[in-house]
């Protein structure tokens, strides 16, 4: 009889506060593994860094990049607070024109049109091409 009285209270609490968060389902873990292990392809561009979506301030000489908004917003574990996005601080190595650069993801690129696009600091971009190039098509990259 006590169960019949407690269940409605439990149901009301769950409907108001929701179920506990922070628990990854099997599908989320598989999706995370896929994103972290696959080779991504997209365009490389550069921007003038400042305060990024991850909550850190960077400059033009830092080896950093902004992930496309598509990847940043859907990265497994992402929440409404971009400072807590698990993609923040992750290291990636990008390849283009027979050159490579390793950078940390510290920002979100709102102007990137493809999920595999990365927007680099000027110093990082120069490891792949001269700034006068402006955009590199067909860059590949992976999480380290």
Protein backbone atom coordinates (compact mmCIF):
# COMPACT_ATOMS: atom_id res chain seq x y z
CA UNK A 1 0.00 0.00 0.00
CA UNK A 2 2.88 2.34 0.76
CA UNK A 3 4.19 1.82 -2.79
CA UNK A 4 0.93 3.20 -4.18
CA UNK A 5 1.44 6.39 -2.16
CA UNK A 6 5.14 6.83 -2.95
CA UNK A 7 4.95 6.14 -6.69
CA UNK A 8 2.83 9.22 -7.54
CA UNK A 9 5.23 11.40 -5.54
CA UNK A 10 8.24 9.86 -7.34
CA UNK A 11 6.53 10.34 -10.72
CA UNK A 12 5.85 13.99 -9.90
CA UNK A 13 9.47 14.60 -8.83
CA UNK A 14 10.82 12.98 -12.01
CA UNK A 15 8.46 15.00 -14.20
CA UNK A 16 9.54 18.26 -12.56
CA UNK A 17 13.27 17.63 -12.15
CA UNK A 18 13.92 14.94 -14.75
CA UNK A 19 16.06 11.87 -14.48
CA UNK A 20 19.70 12.07 -13.44
CA UNK A 21 22.03 13.37 -16.14
CA UNK A 22 25.64 12.63 -16.89
CA UNK A 23 25.02 8.97 -17.63
CA UNK A 24 26.03 8.04 -21.17
CA UNK A 25 23.93 5.53 -23.03
CA UNK A 26 25.59 2.88 -25.16
CA UNK A 27 24.64 4.82 -28.31
CA UNK A 28 26.29 7.99 -26.95
CA UNK A 29 29.48 6.11 -26.16
CA UNK A 30 29.57 4.59 -29.65
CA UNK A 31 28.95 8.03 -31.21
CA UNK A 32 31.76 9.54 -29.12
CA UNK A 33 34.15 6.77 -30.16
CA UNK A 34 33.27 7.33 -33.82
CA UNK A 35 33.80 11.10 -33.69
CA UNK A 36 37.08 10.66 -31.85
CA UNK A 37 38.53 8.01 -34.16
CA UNK A 38 37.36 8.94 -37.66
CA UNK A 39 39.26 11.16 -40.08
CA UNK A 40 37.37 14.42 -40.68
CA UNK A 41 37.56 16.39 -43.95
CA UNK A 42 36.72 20.05 -44.41
CA UNK A 43 37.96 23.54 -45.12
CA UNK A 44 40.68 25.29 -43.14
CA UNK A 45 40.35 29.03 -42.53
CA UNK A 46 41.81 31.42 -39.96
CA UNK A 47 40.47 34.02 -37.55
CA UNK A 48 41.76 36.52 -35.02
CA UNK A 49 41.35 34.78 -31.63
CA UNK A 50 40.10 36.39 -28.45
CA UNK A 51 37.74 35.08 -25.79
CA UNK A 52 36.50 31.77 -27.19
CA UNK A 53 33.39 29.70 -26.60
CA UNK A 54 35.37 27.46 -24.24
CA UNK A 55 35.88 30.42 -21.88
CA UNK A 56 39.59 30.97 -22.53
CA UNK A 57 41.34 33.94 -24.13
CA UNK A 58 43.87 33.16 -26.86
CA UNK A 59 46.01 35.18 -29.23
CA UNK A 60 47.10 34.96 -32.87
CA UNK A 61 50.34 33.13 -32.02
CA UNK A 62 48.66 30.31 -30.08
CA UNK A 63 48.29 26.98 -31.86
CA UNK A 64 44.52 26.73 -31.50
CA UNK A 65 41.41 26.21 -33.62
CA UNK A 66 37.66 26.63 -33.53
CA UNK A 67 35.54 23.59 -34.39
CA UNK A 68 32.58 24.01 -36.73
CA UNK A 69 29.33 24.90 -34.99
CA UNK A 70 27.87 21.61 -36.25
CA UNK A 71 30.53 19.54 -34.49
CA UNK A 72 30.83 21.79 -31.42
CA UNK A 73 27.08 21.83 -30.74
CA UNK A 74 26.56 18.08 -31.23
CA UNK A 75 29.75 16.78 -29.65
CA UNK A 76 28.82 13.99 -27.21
CA UNK A 77 28.36 15.44 -23.74
CA UNK A 78 27.81 19.02 -24.94
CA UNK A 79 25.47 21.06 -22.74
CA UNK A 80 23.93 24.52 -22.93
CA UNK A 81 27.11 25.93 -21.33
CA UNK A 82 29.81 25.93 -24.05
CA UNK A 83 32.54 26.38 -21.40
CA UNK A 84 31.80 22.82 -20.27
CA UNK A 85 31.78 21.26 -23.75
CA UNK A 86 33.97 18.12 -23.70
CA UNK A 87 35.47 19.15 -27.06
CA UNK A 88 37.18 22.11 -25.34
CA UNK A 89 40.89 21.56 -24.92
CA UNK A 90 40.99 18.44 -27.09
CA UNK A 91 44.03 18.14 -29.33
CA UNK A 92 43.68 17.53 -33.07
CA UNK A 93 46.23 17.18 -35.86
CA UNK A 94 45.33 18.65 -39.24
CA UNK A 95 46.95 17.86 -42.61
CA UNK A 96 46.94 19.87 -45.84
CA UNK A 97 49.39 20.54 -48.66
CA UNK A 98 51.75 17.86 -47.32
CA UNK A 99 52.07 19.77 -44.02
CA UNK A 100 50.56 19.27 -40.58
CA UNK A 101 49.82 21.15 -37.38
CA UNK A 102 48.61 20.06 -33.94
CA UNK A 103 46.21 22.44 -32.19
CA UNK A 104 43.79 22.57 -29.27
CA UNK A 105 40.08 23.19 -29.84
CA UNK A 106 39.18 26.33 -27.87
CA UNK A 107 36.30 27.92 -29.77
CA UNK A 108 33.18 27.44 -31.89
CA UNK A 109 33.18 28.54 -35.55
CA UNK A 110 29.76 29.99 -36.38
CA UNK A 111 30.83 30.74 -39.97
CA UNK A 112 32.05 27.24 -40.78
CA UNK A 113 29.70 25.54 -43.24
CA UNK A 114 30.78 21.91 -42.89
CA UNK A 115 31.10 19.67 -39.85
CA UNK A 116 34.75 18.94 -40.69
CA UNK A 117 35.77 22.60 -41.07
CA UNK A 118 38.31 24.12 -38.67
CA UNK A 119 39.05 27.81 -38.16
CA UNK A 120 42.68 28.25 -37.06
CA UNK A 121 44.66 30.98 -35.36
CA UNK A 122 46.94 32.74 -37.88
CA UNK A 123 50.02 30.97 -36.45
CA UNK A 124 48.40 27.55 -36.78
CA UNK A 125 47.11 28.25 -40.31
CA UNK A 126 50.63 29.26 -41.40
CA UNK A 127 51.81 25.73 -40.58
CA UNK A 128 49.55 24.58 -43.45
CA UNK A 129 49.72 27.49 -45.93
CA UNK A 130 50.40 31.21 -46.25
CA UNK A 131 47.70 33.48 -44.84
CA UNK A 132 47.23 34.92 -48.35
CA UNK A 133 45.68 31.56 -49.37
CA UNK A 134 42.76 32.33 -47.04
CA UNK A 135 41.00 28.96 -47.35
CA UNK A 136 42.30 25.43 -47.82
CA UNK A 137 39.85 22.92 -49.30
CA UNK A 138 40.18 19.23 -48.48
CA UNK A 139 42.05 19.52 -45.19
CA UNK A 140 41.92 16.33 -43.12
CA UNK A 141 42.21 16.03 -39.36
CA UNK A 142 41.79 13.65 -36.43
CA UNK A 143 41.54 13.90 -32.67
CA UNK A 144 44.78 12.88 -30.94
